[in-house]
N, C-alpha and C. Protein backbone atom coordinates (compact mmCIF):
# COMPACT_ATOMS: atom_id res chain seq x y z
N UNK A 1 141.97 81.89 140.05
CA UNK A 1 142.07 80.74 139.41
C UNK A 1 141.70 80.86 137.99
N UNK A 2 142.30 80.12 137.07
CA UNK A 2 142.08 80.11 135.71
C UNK A 2 140.95 79.20 135.46
N UNK A 3 140.13 79.44 134.45
CA UNK A 3 138.85 78.62 134.08
C UNK A 3 138.77 78.38 132.61
N UNK A 4 138.41 77.09 132.33
CA UNK A 4 138.45 76.62 130.97
C UNK A 4 137.28 77.36 130.15
N UNK A 5 136.12 77.57 130.84
CA UNK A 5 135.04 78.16 130.22
C UNK A 5 135.35 79.66 129.74
N UNK A 6 136.03 80.41 130.71
CA UNK A 6 136.41 81.79 130.43
C UNK A 6 137.51 81.66 129.23
N UNK A 7 138.41 80.89 129.32
CA UNK A 7 139.39 80.74 128.14
C UNK A 7 138.73 80.42 126.83
N UNK A 8 137.83 79.48 126.87
CA UNK A 8 137.08 79.09 125.56
C UNK A 8 136.34 80.21 124.96
N UNK A 9 135.55 80.87 125.85
CA UNK A 9 134.81 82.03 125.37
C UNK A 9 135.76 83.27 124.95
N UNK A 10 136.62 83.49 125.77
CA UNK A 10 137.59 84.54 125.35
C UNK A 10 138.20 84.32 124.10
N UNK A 11 138.64 83.07 123.85
CA UNK A 11 139.29 82.74 122.55
C UNK A 11 138.26 82.85 121.40
N UNK A 12 137.16 82.49 121.58
CA UNK A 12 136.15 82.61 120.50
C UNK A 12 135.84 84.02 120.17
N UNK A 13 135.77 84.81 121.21
CA UNK A 13 135.46 86.31 120.88
C UNK A 13 136.66 86.93 120.22
N UNK A 14 137.93 86.51 120.57
CA UNK A 14 139.03 87.09 119.94
C UNK A 14 139.12 86.66 118.45
N UNK A 15 138.98 85.29 118.23
CA UNK A 15 139.11 84.75 116.97
C UNK A 15 138.04 85.33 115.98
N UNK A 16 136.89 85.65 116.53
CA UNK A 16 135.80 86.15 115.66
C UNK A 16 135.85 87.65 115.53
N UNK A 17 136.78 88.31 116.04
CA UNK A 17 136.90 89.76 116.01
C UNK A 17 135.92 90.50 116.79
N UNK A 18 135.30 89.87 117.85
CA UNK A 18 134.39 90.59 118.77
C UNK A 18 135.02 91.26 119.94
N UNK A 19 136.35 91.01 120.02
CA UNK A 19 137.10 91.80 120.89
C UNK A 19 138.53 91.90 120.21
N UNK A 20 139.27 92.95 120.67
CA UNK A 20 140.67 93.04 120.17
C UNK A 20 141.54 93.34 121.48
N UNK A 21 142.83 93.12 121.30
CA UNK A 21 143.86 93.36 122.35
C UNK A 21 143.31 93.00 123.73
N UNK A 22 143.36 94.01 124.68
CA UNK A 22 142.87 93.64 126.11
C UNK A 22 141.48 94.18 126.39
N UNK A 23 140.71 94.40 125.47
CA UNK A 23 139.41 95.07 125.62
C UNK A 23 138.35 93.94 125.85
N UNK A 24 137.33 94.29 126.49
CA UNK A 24 136.30 93.39 126.77
C UNK A 24 136.51 92.64 128.20
N UNK A 25 135.52 92.00 128.75
CA UNK A 25 135.51 91.16 129.90
C UNK A 25 134.51 90.18 130.04
N UNK A 26 134.71 89.29 130.92
CA UNK A 26 133.77 88.08 131.13
C UNK A 26 133.56 88.03 132.68
N UNK A 27 132.30 87.61 133.09
CA UNK A 27 132.21 87.36 134.52
C UNK A 27 131.19 86.28 134.72
N UNK A 28 131.14 85.69 135.85
CA UNK A 28 130.27 84.52 136.23
C UNK A 28 130.00 84.80 137.66
N UNK A 29 128.67 84.59 137.97
CA UNK A 29 128.18 84.76 139.39
C UNK A 29 128.59 83.44 140.09
N UNK A 30 129.14 83.63 141.43
CA UNK A 30 129.57 82.49 142.16
C UNK A 30 128.90 82.95 143.61
N UNK A 31 129.11 82.08 144.52
CA UNK A 31 128.57 82.26 145.89
C UNK A 31 129.32 83.50 146.45
N UNK A 32 128.31 84.44 146.80
CA UNK A 32 128.72 85.64 147.57
C UNK A 32 129.24 86.74 146.73
N UNK A 33 129.11 86.58 145.29
CA UNK A 33 129.67 87.61 144.41
C UNK A 33 129.71 87.08 142.93
N UNK A 34 130.80 87.48 142.28
CA UNK A 34 131.11 87.08 140.96
C UNK A 34 132.56 87.04 140.73
N UNK A 35 133.03 86.30 139.68
CA UNK A 35 134.42 86.27 139.26
C UNK A 35 134.41 87.05 137.99
N UNK A 36 135.55 87.88 137.75
CA UNK A 36 135.70 88.65 136.60
C UNK A 36 137.01 88.59 136.02
N UNK A 37 137.18 88.83 134.68
CA UNK A 37 138.51 88.74 134.11
C UNK A 37 139.15 90.06 134.64
N UNK A 38 140.51 90.13 134.83
CA UNK A 38 141.12 91.28 135.29
C UNK A 38 141.37 92.37 134.26
N UNK A 39 141.60 93.56 134.77
CA UNK A 39 141.88 94.68 133.73
C UNK A 39 143.06 94.40 133.05
N UNK A 40 143.10 94.67 131.73
CA UNK A 40 144.30 94.65 131.06
C UNK A 40 144.62 93.16 130.56
N UNK A 41 143.62 92.27 130.72
CA UNK A 41 144.07 90.89 130.30
C UNK A 41 143.54 90.56 128.86
N UNK A 42 144.19 89.73 128.20
CA UNK A 42 143.78 89.13 126.91
C UNK A 42 142.73 88.12 127.24
N UNK A 43 141.63 88.25 126.66
CA UNK A 43 140.58 87.35 126.92
C UNK A 43 140.88 85.88 126.31
N UNK A 44 141.71 85.82 125.37
CA UNK A 44 142.09 84.47 124.85
C UNK A 44 143.27 83.96 125.71
N UNK A 45 143.62 84.54 126.74
CA UNK A 45 144.75 84.01 127.65
C UNK A 45 144.50 84.77 128.88
N UNK A 46 143.29 84.70 129.56
CA UNK A 46 143.02 85.55 130.85
C UNK A 46 143.90 85.18 131.91
N UNK A 47 144.32 86.20 132.58
CA UNK A 47 144.99 86.05 133.92
C UNK A 47 144.07 85.45 135.05
N UNK A 48 144.59 85.36 136.16
CA UNK A 48 143.71 84.93 137.32
C UNK A 48 142.39 85.78 137.33
N UNK A 49 141.34 85.08 137.59
CA UNK A 49 140.10 85.78 137.74
C UNK A 49 140.07 86.48 139.04
N UNK A 50 139.40 87.73 139.13
CA UNK A 50 139.28 88.40 140.24
C UNK A 50 137.86 88.38 140.90
N UNK A 51 137.79 88.20 142.28
CA UNK A 51 136.47 88.08 142.91
C UNK A 51 135.94 89.45 143.29
N UNK A 52 134.73 89.68 143.03
CA UNK A 52 133.97 90.94 143.49
C UNK A 52 132.82 90.49 144.39
N UNK A 53 132.75 91.02 145.52
CA UNK A 53 131.70 90.52 146.52
C UNK A 53 130.38 91.17 146.11
N UNK A 54 129.32 90.63 146.60
CA UNK A 54 127.92 91.12 146.38
C UNK A 54 127.80 92.58 146.78
N UNK A 55 128.64 92.99 147.81
CA UNK A 55 128.65 94.40 148.31
C UNK A 55 129.40 95.28 147.42
N UNK A 56 130.02 94.78 146.46
CA UNK A 56 130.85 95.70 145.50
C UNK A 56 132.27 95.79 145.88
N UNK A 57 132.81 94.91 146.74
CA UNK A 57 134.14 95.01 147.05
C UNK A 57 134.98 94.19 146.12
N UNK A 58 135.78 94.91 145.32
CA UNK A 58 136.44 94.29 144.18
C UNK A 58 137.90 93.90 144.69
N UNK A 59 138.37 92.74 144.20
CA UNK A 59 139.77 92.34 144.43
C UNK A 59 140.61 93.20 143.62
N UNK A 60 141.92 93.27 143.97
CA UNK A 60 142.91 93.98 143.11
C UNK A 60 142.95 93.43 141.70
N UNK A 61 142.88 94.46 140.82
CA UNK A 61 143.03 94.15 139.34
C UNK A 61 141.77 93.77 138.76
N UNK A 62 140.62 94.01 139.34
CA UNK A 62 139.28 93.76 138.79
C UNK A 62 139.11 94.65 137.41
N UNK A 63 138.43 94.10 136.44
CA UNK A 63 138.21 94.91 135.27
C UNK A 63 137.55 96.27 135.75
N UNK A 64 137.83 97.28 134.97
CA UNK A 64 137.24 98.56 135.24
C UNK A 64 135.69 98.65 135.08
N UNK A 65 135.22 97.63 134.28
CA UNK A 65 133.81 97.58 134.19
C UNK A 65 133.09 96.69 135.19
N UNK A 66 133.79 96.42 136.30
CA UNK A 66 133.07 95.54 137.32
C UNK A 66 131.92 96.21 137.87
N UNK A 67 131.76 97.51 137.90
CA UNK A 67 130.52 98.30 138.36
C UNK A 67 129.33 97.79 137.50
N UNK A 68 129.60 97.65 136.28
CA UNK A 68 128.43 97.16 135.38
C UNK A 68 128.01 95.83 135.68
N UNK A 69 128.95 94.91 135.82
CA UNK A 69 128.58 93.57 136.19
C UNK A 69 127.92 93.45 137.52
N UNK A 70 128.30 94.25 138.58
CA UNK A 70 127.75 94.30 139.77
C UNK A 70 126.31 94.73 139.67
N UNK A 71 126.10 95.85 139.00
CA UNK A 71 124.67 96.42 138.86
C UNK A 71 123.79 95.41 138.17
N UNK A 72 124.31 94.69 137.16
CA UNK A 72 123.46 93.75 136.31
C UNK A 72 123.25 92.47 137.23
N UNK A 73 124.09 92.05 137.96
CA UNK A 73 123.84 90.94 138.88
C UNK A 73 122.84 91.20 139.96
N UNK A 74 122.92 92.52 140.38
CA UNK A 74 121.97 93.03 141.45
C UNK A 74 120.64 93.11 140.98
N UNK A 75 120.41 93.54 139.63
CA UNK A 75 119.22 93.83 139.08
C UNK A 75 118.51 92.74 138.30
N UNK A 76 119.19 91.67 137.93
CA UNK A 76 118.66 90.63 137.12
C UNK A 76 119.08 89.19 137.66
N UNK A 77 118.45 88.22 136.99
CA UNK A 77 118.87 86.82 137.43
C UNK A 77 119.95 86.31 136.59
N UNK A 78 120.77 87.11 136.06
CA UNK A 78 122.02 86.74 135.12
C UNK A 78 122.90 85.85 136.03
N UNK A 79 123.45 84.82 135.38
CA UNK A 79 124.58 84.05 135.98
C UNK A 79 125.90 84.24 135.29
N UNK A 80 125.79 85.01 134.02
CA UNK A 80 127.15 85.21 133.39
C UNK A 80 126.86 86.51 132.58
N UNK A 81 127.96 87.18 132.30
CA UNK A 81 128.01 88.40 131.51
C UNK A 81 129.19 88.40 130.53
N UNK A 82 128.97 88.70 129.32
CA UNK A 82 130.06 88.91 128.26
C UNK A 82 129.94 90.38 127.86
N UNK A 83 131.01 91.08 127.98
CA UNK A 83 131.23 92.37 127.49
C UNK A 83 132.27 92.37 126.33
N UNK A 84 131.78 92.73 125.08
CA UNK A 84 132.65 92.69 123.93
C UNK A 84 132.54 94.00 123.14
N UNK A 85 133.45 94.15 122.04
CA UNK A 85 133.46 95.33 121.31
C UNK A 85 133.32 94.92 119.85
N UNK A 86 132.21 94.32 119.56
CA UNK A 86 132.01 93.91 118.10
C UNK A 86 131.72 95.26 117.21
N UNK A 87 132.66 95.37 116.12
CA UNK A 87 132.72 96.60 115.43
C UNK A 87 131.39 97.13 114.74
N UNK A 88 130.68 96.15 114.06
CA UNK A 88 129.53 96.54 113.40
C UNK A 88 128.40 97.04 114.33
N UNK A 89 128.36 96.29 115.41
CA UNK A 89 127.29 96.65 116.44
C UNK A 89 127.64 98.00 117.10
N UNK A 90 128.96 98.27 117.42
CA UNK A 90 129.29 99.56 117.94
C UNK A 90 129.03 100.61 116.96
N UNK A 91 129.48 100.48 115.63
CA UNK A 91 129.28 101.44 114.65
C UNK A 91 127.76 101.86 114.50
N UNK A 92 126.90 100.70 114.52
CA UNK A 92 125.46 101.09 114.38
C UNK A 92 124.97 101.88 115.67
N UNK A 93 125.55 101.55 116.77
CA UNK A 93 125.09 102.31 118.09
C UNK A 93 125.32 103.77 118.00
N UNK A 94 126.13 104.25 117.08
CA UNK A 94 126.43 105.67 116.97
C UNK A 94 125.44 106.35 116.35
N UNK A 95 124.45 105.58 115.52
CA UNK A 95 123.40 106.18 114.66
C UNK A 95 122.00 105.83 115.25
N UNK A 96 121.94 104.88 116.17
CA UNK A 96 120.58 104.40 116.63
C UNK A 96 120.48 104.38 118.05
N UNK A 97 119.23 104.43 118.53
CA UNK A 97 118.98 104.31 119.95
C UNK A 97 118.43 103.04 120.23
N UNK A 98 117.91 102.31 119.12
CA UNK A 98 117.54 100.89 119.33
C UNK A 98 117.82 100.22 117.92
N UNK A 99 118.45 99.04 118.04
CA UNK A 99 118.87 98.34 116.76
C UNK A 99 117.64 97.27 116.61
N UNK A 100 117.11 97.14 115.38
CA UNK A 100 116.02 96.19 115.10
C UNK A 100 116.63 95.30 114.07
N UNK A 101 117.02 93.99 114.46
CA UNK A 101 117.44 93.15 113.53
C UNK A 101 116.48 92.65 112.42
N UNK A 102 117.07 92.49 111.21
CA UNK A 102 116.15 91.99 110.15
C UNK A 102 116.42 90.62 109.77
N UNK A 103 117.44 89.98 110.30
CA UNK A 103 117.83 88.51 109.82
C UNK A 103 117.05 87.63 110.88
N UNK A 104 116.91 86.41 110.42
CA UNK A 104 116.01 85.51 111.29
C UNK A 104 116.56 85.20 112.61
N UNK A 105 117.90 85.01 112.87
CA UNK A 105 118.44 84.67 114.19
C UNK A 105 118.34 85.97 115.07
N UNK A 106 118.56 87.11 114.49
CA UNK A 106 118.44 88.42 115.24
C UNK A 106 117.05 88.58 115.71
N UNK A 107 116.12 88.44 114.82
CA UNK A 107 114.53 88.47 115.18
C UNK A 107 114.20 87.58 116.26
N UNK A 108 114.70 86.43 116.20
CA UNK A 108 114.27 85.29 117.17
C UNK A 108 114.92 85.62 118.52
N UNK A 109 116.23 85.89 118.61
CA UNK A 109 116.84 86.09 119.87
C UNK A 109 117.04 87.51 120.35
N UNK A 110 117.02 88.48 119.56
CA UNK A 110 117.21 89.84 119.96
C UNK A 110 116.44 90.78 119.08
N UNK A 111 115.04 90.63 119.33
CA UNK A 111 114.11 91.49 118.31
C UNK A 111 114.35 92.96 118.45
N UNK A 112 114.88 93.50 119.57
CA UNK A 112 115.15 94.92 119.63
C UNK A 112 116.41 94.92 120.62
N UNK A 113 117.44 95.69 120.12
CA UNK A 113 118.61 95.79 120.90
C UNK A 113 118.78 97.30 121.39
N UNK A 114 118.62 97.52 122.77
CA UNK A 114 118.64 98.84 123.10
C UNK A 114 120.03 99.41 123.11
N UNK A 115 120.21 100.70 122.94
CA UNK A 115 121.57 101.33 122.96
C UNK A 115 121.41 102.38 124.12
N UNK A 116 122.44 102.41 124.99
CA UNK A 116 122.42 103.30 126.11
C UNK A 116 123.71 104.17 126.18
N UNK A 117 123.61 105.21 126.83
CA UNK A 117 124.77 106.19 127.00
C UNK A 117 125.55 106.01 128.39
N UNK A 118 126.73 106.48 128.39
CA UNK A 118 127.44 106.55 129.65
C UNK A 118 128.99 106.28 129.30
N UNK A 119 129.83 106.94 130.15
CA UNK A 119 131.28 106.74 129.99
C UNK A 119 131.70 105.41 130.44
N UNK A 120 132.56 104.72 129.86
CA UNK A 120 133.07 103.45 130.36
C UNK A 120 133.62 103.56 131.82
N UNK A 121 133.37 102.60 132.58
CA UNK A 121 133.84 102.55 133.96
C UNK A 121 133.12 103.41 134.97
N UNK A 122 131.97 104.03 134.52
CA UNK A 122 131.22 104.88 135.40
C UNK A 122 129.96 104.31 135.97
N UNK A 123 129.49 104.83 137.12
CA UNK A 123 128.29 104.41 137.71
C UNK A 123 127.04 104.73 136.72
N UNK A 124 127.19 105.82 135.94
CA UNK A 124 126.07 106.12 135.16
C UNK A 124 125.87 104.99 134.02
N UNK A 125 127.11 104.61 133.42
CA UNK A 125 126.83 103.46 132.44
C UNK A 125 126.47 102.28 133.17
N UNK A 126 126.96 101.95 134.32
CA UNK A 126 126.56 100.66 135.00
C UNK A 126 125.05 100.70 135.24
N UNK A 127 124.47 101.81 135.72
CA UNK A 127 122.94 102.00 135.91
C UNK A 127 122.15 101.75 134.62
N UNK A 128 122.59 102.56 133.52
CA UNK A 128 121.91 102.46 132.37
C UNK A 128 121.92 101.04 131.68
N UNK A 129 123.07 100.42 131.76
CA UNK A 129 123.05 98.99 131.21
C UNK A 129 122.28 98.14 132.06
N UNK A 130 122.37 98.10 133.38
CA UNK A 130 121.65 97.28 134.19
C UNK A 130 120.07 97.43 133.98
N UNK A 131 119.61 98.75 133.87
CA UNK A 131 118.25 99.01 133.64
C UNK A 131 117.80 98.37 132.31
N UNK A 132 118.58 98.50 131.21
CA UNK A 132 118.11 97.97 129.88
C UNK A 132 118.24 96.50 130.02
N UNK A 133 119.18 95.84 130.73
CA UNK A 133 119.22 94.31 130.73
C UNK A 133 118.20 93.65 131.56
N UNK A 134 117.35 94.53 132.18
CA UNK A 134 116.08 93.89 132.86
C UNK A 134 115.28 93.33 131.85
N UNK A 135 115.11 94.02 130.61
CA UNK A 135 114.00 93.63 129.73
C UNK A 135 114.64 93.07 128.40
N UNK A 136 116.04 93.12 128.23
CA UNK A 136 116.66 92.69 127.08
C UNK A 136 117.94 91.93 127.38
N UNK A 137 118.18 90.67 126.77
CA UNK A 137 119.39 90.02 127.23
C UNK A 137 120.71 90.58 126.78
N UNK A 138 120.55 91.74 125.83
CA UNK A 138 121.82 92.29 125.30
C UNK A 138 121.53 93.81 125.23
N UNK A 139 122.54 94.61 125.40
CA UNK A 139 122.45 96.03 125.31
C UNK A 139 123.76 96.48 124.73
N UNK A 140 123.79 97.63 124.08
CA UNK A 140 125.01 98.27 123.40
C UNK A 140 125.26 99.49 124.13
N UNK A 141 126.35 99.75 124.71
CA UNK A 141 126.82 101.09 125.25
C UNK A 141 127.27 101.83 124.06
N UNK A 142 126.59 102.97 123.78
CA UNK A 142 126.88 103.65 122.51
C UNK A 142 128.47 103.90 122.31
N UNK A 143 128.85 103.53 121.10
CA UNK A 143 130.29 103.81 120.77
C UNK A 143 131.24 102.97 121.58
N UNK A 144 130.84 102.03 122.42
CA UNK A 144 131.77 101.26 123.35
C UNK A 144 131.71 99.78 123.05
N UNK A 145 130.55 99.21 123.41
CA UNK A 145 130.41 97.74 123.19
C UNK A 145 129.11 97.16 123.65
N UNK A 146 129.03 95.77 123.41
CA UNK A 146 127.82 95.06 123.98
C UNK A 146 128.07 94.48 125.42
N UNK A 147 126.95 94.42 126.02
CA UNK A 147 126.93 93.60 127.34
C UNK A 147 125.77 92.66 127.20
N UNK A 148 126.10 91.30 127.25
CA UNK A 148 125.02 90.25 127.23
C UNK A 148 125.00 89.55 128.58
N UNK A 149 123.79 89.39 128.96
CA UNK A 149 123.51 88.50 130.30
C UNK A 149 122.92 87.22 129.89
N UNK A 150 123.17 86.16 130.61
CA UNK A 150 122.61 84.85 130.34
C UNK A 150 122.92 83.98 131.47
N UNK A 151 122.46 82.70 131.28
CA UNK A 151 122.67 81.66 132.29
C UNK A 151 124.06 81.12 132.30
N UNK A 152 124.76 81.19 131.12
CA UNK A 152 126.24 80.73 131.05
C UNK A 152 126.96 81.67 130.20
N UNK A 153 128.32 81.62 130.34
CA UNK A 153 129.10 82.41 129.40
C UNK A 153 128.87 82.04 127.89
N UNK A 154 128.64 80.71 127.61
CA UNK A 154 128.31 80.24 126.28
C UNK A 154 127.10 80.96 125.74
N UNK A 155 126.14 81.01 126.57
CA UNK A 155 124.87 81.62 126.17
C UNK A 155 124.92 83.18 125.89
N UNK A 156 125.76 83.74 126.70
CA UNK A 156 126.06 85.24 126.67
C UNK A 156 126.89 85.45 125.39
N UNK A 157 127.90 84.57 125.04
CA UNK A 157 128.57 84.81 123.93
C UNK A 157 127.73 84.63 122.60
N UNK A 158 126.83 83.63 122.60
CA UNK A 158 125.88 83.48 121.55
C UNK A 158 125.18 84.76 121.21
N UNK A 159 124.61 85.30 122.24
CA UNK A 159 123.85 86.71 122.04
C UNK A 159 124.79 87.62 121.42
N UNK A 160 125.96 87.73 121.91
CA UNK A 160 126.94 88.72 121.36
C UNK A 160 127.23 88.40 119.91
N UNK A 161 127.47 87.25 119.51
CA UNK A 161 127.70 86.74 118.03
C UNK A 161 126.48 87.19 117.28
N UNK A 162 125.29 86.92 117.83
CA UNK A 162 124.00 87.21 117.08
C UNK A 162 123.79 88.69 116.80
N UNK A 163 124.11 89.53 117.95
CA UNK A 163 124.13 90.95 117.81
C UNK A 163 125.02 91.44 116.67
N UNK A 164 126.21 90.93 116.60
CA UNK A 164 127.15 91.41 115.56
C UNK A 164 126.74 90.98 114.25
N UNK A 165 126.28 89.81 114.08
CA UNK A 165 125.80 89.27 112.91
C UNK A 165 124.68 90.13 112.40
N UNK A 166 123.64 90.48 113.21
CA UNK A 166 122.53 91.34 112.88
C UNK A 166 122.98 92.71 112.48
N UNK A 167 123.99 93.19 113.10
CA UNK A 167 124.52 94.60 112.69
C UNK A 167 125.27 94.53 111.32
N UNK A 168 125.88 93.42 111.09
CA UNK A 168 126.57 93.28 109.79
C UNK A 168 125.39 93.16 108.69
N UNK A 169 124.42 92.27 108.88
CA UNK A 169 123.39 92.30 107.85
C UNK A 169 122.66 93.56 107.69
N UNK A 170 122.46 94.37 108.68
CA UNK A 170 121.87 95.69 108.58
C UNK A 170 122.84 96.60 107.65
N UNK A 171 124.08 96.58 108.04
CA UNK A 171 125.03 97.34 107.42
C UNK A 171 125.17 97.03 105.85
N UNK A 172 125.09 95.73 105.67
CA UNK A 172 125.17 95.21 104.16
C UNK A 172 123.97 95.71 103.45
N UNK A 173 122.84 95.46 104.05
CA UNK A 173 121.55 95.88 103.40
C UNK A 173 121.47 97.47 103.21
N UNK A 174 121.98 98.14 104.07
CA UNK A 174 122.01 99.66 104.05
C UNK A 174 122.88 100.09 102.84
N UNK A 175 124.18 99.45 102.72
CA UNK A 175 125.09 99.78 101.76
C UNK A 175 124.57 99.31 100.35
N UNK A 176 123.83 98.33 100.32
CA UNK A 176 123.33 97.72 99.10
C UNK A 176 121.92 98.44 98.64
N UNK A 177 121.42 99.33 99.48
CA UNK A 177 120.16 99.90 99.22
C UNK A 177 119.02 99.01 99.08
N UNK A 178 119.10 97.86 99.96
CA UNK A 178 117.99 96.88 99.85
C UNK A 178 116.88 97.35 100.56
């Protein structure tokens, strides 16, 4: 089924440059598992959502990152996950193991952003992200993108936007030699 919340958040992510083309994905916990955007779908015009059971049985066309979402739902109380590719946050992840925001919103919502390793779509990445999201609401997969867990897709989106804003501020400060 199509879902207005998925469409609204996907549209915001795309409009704000936090995802491009068919990259990134969204999911929400439902009875017996979770719904996730399908692989290759535009988040600002998502195709039918795909169900993944709590046992990890994924419907046809599930995002290649469904393993990450599954591990996060198993290891946390998350009800929604946003995976995006914000460029400044991804760029900083190439140079840092932890990103420490200096802006007020970043300090308040994401005082430390862990960076983890692992190839996209693998169990290693899924395990590393799930482990980091136990103690932080957002993590960056090095050179790949952010994963935010929250009560709603809106809240996970906000964390994603805050992480990108914090990364921009850090980049501007570094370029300005502040």
